[in-house]
Amino acid sequence: MVVNTITEAKAQLSALVERAVSGEEVIISKAGKAVAVLVPYNRATGVRQPGRLRGKIRIADDFDTLPEDIASAFGAGEQ
């Protein structure tokens, strides 16, 4: 784990990014407190497959639909 201040991180950004990509935990601090963590970016790969979770998710028999006022508060039915 490496901890750098914001000023140090600005000066060493390329090196810190390389360390994060290699798996090291890189923390950036401000006024002695951790404020950010550099982590490698992992793009989701593969194509989403409809029905992939079929048979793995169950809706309880006593499940009720949301009352209309709550559903509308969440924008249900809007496009």
Protein backbone atom coordinates (compact mmCIF):
# COMPACT_ATOMS: atom_id res chain seq x y z
CA MET A 1 0.00 0.00 0.00
CA VAL A 2 1.29 3.44 -0.88
CA VAL A 3 -0.11 6.69 0.53
CA ASN A 4 0.56 10.00 -1.21
CA THR A 5 -0.64 13.53 -0.62
CA ILE A 6 -2.52 15.23 -3.43
CA THR A 7 0.58 17.29 -4.27
CA GLU A 8 2.75 14.15 -4.46
CA ALA A 9 0.11 12.35 -6.50
CA LYS A 10 -0.01 15.20 -9.04
CA ALA A 11 3.75 15.00 -9.48
CA GLN A 12 3.83 11.18 -9.69
CA LEU A 13 0.50 10.37 -11.33
CA SER A 14 1.89 8.15 -14.10
CA ALA A 15 3.90 6.06 -11.65
CA LEU A 16 0.98 5.77 -9.24
CA VAL A 17 -1.35 4.65 -12.02
CA GLU A 18 1.15 1.95 -13.02
CA ARG A 19 1.33 0.76 -9.41
CA ALA A 20 -2.47 0.61 -9.20
CA VAL A 21 -2.67 -1.31 -12.49
CA SER A 22 -0.15 -3.82 -11.15
CA GLY A 23 -2.44 -4.47 -8.17
CA GLU A 24 -0.97 -2.25 -5.49
CA GLU A 25 -3.34 -0.22 -3.33
CA VAL A 26 -2.72 3.50 -3.96
CA ILE A 27 -4.30 5.93 -1.51
CA ILE A 28 -4.34 9.71 -1.90
CA SER A 29 -4.60 11.79 1.25
CA LYS A 30 -5.46 15.38 2.08
CA ALA A 31 -4.70 16.94 5.45
CA GLY A 32 -3.64 13.54 6.75
CA LYS A 33 -6.88 11.77 5.82
CA ALA A 34 -7.43 9.32 2.98
CA VAL A 35 -9.70 10.92 0.37
CA ALA A 36 -9.29 8.74 -2.73
CA VAL A 37 -8.08 5.36 -3.92
CA LEU A 38 -6.63 4.62 -7.35
CA VAL A 39 -7.93 1.35 -8.75
CA PRO A 40 -7.50 -0.21 -12.19
CA TYR A 41 -10.38 0.25 -14.62
CA ASN A 42 -12.03 -3.03 -15.57
CA ARG A 43 -14.36 -2.75 -18.52
CA ALA A 44 -17.18 -5.27 -18.40
CA THR A 45 -16.54 -7.85 -21.07
CA GLY A 46 -18.91 -10.14 -22.85
CA VAL A 47 -22.44 -9.76 -24.05
CA ARG A 48 -25.31 -9.67 -21.60
CA GLN A 49 -27.53 -12.69 -22.00
CA PRO A 50 -31.26 -12.33 -21.33
CA GLY A 51 -32.55 -15.11 -19.10
CA ARG A 52 -29.14 -15.93 -17.68
CA LEU A 53 -30.52 -15.91 -14.13
CA ARG A 54 -33.67 -17.88 -14.97
CA GLY A 55 -34.33 -20.33 -12.16
CA LYS A 56 -31.93 -18.54 -9.80
CA ILE A 57 -34.22 -15.70 -8.74
CA ARG A 58 -37.56 -16.28 -7.07
CA ILE A 59 -40.31 -13.78 -6.30
CA ALA A 60 -42.16 -14.60 -3.12
CA ASP A 61 -45.80 -15.63 -3.43
CA ASP A 62 -46.80 -12.83 -1.07
CA PHE A 63 -45.03 -10.16 -3.15
CA ASP A 64 -47.30 -7.18 -3.76
CA THR A 65 -46.98 -4.56 -6.45
CA LEU A 66 -46.14 -1.07 -5.28
CA PRO A 67 -49.01 1.24 -4.40
CA GLU A 68 -49.69 3.71 -7.23
CA ASP A 69 -48.42 6.77 -5.33
CA ILE A 70 -45.08 5.14 -4.58
CA ALA A 71 -44.70 3.74 -8.09
CA SER A 72 -45.37 7.17 -9.61
CA ALA A 73 -42.85 8.77 -7.23
CA PHE A 74 -40.23 6.51 -8.80
CA GLY A 75 -41.40 7.33 -12.32
CA ALA A 76 -43.06 3.99 -13.02
CA GLY A 77 -44.91 4.05 -16.31
CA GLU A 78 -43.04 7.11 -17.59
CA GLN A 79 -40.83 7.04 -20.64
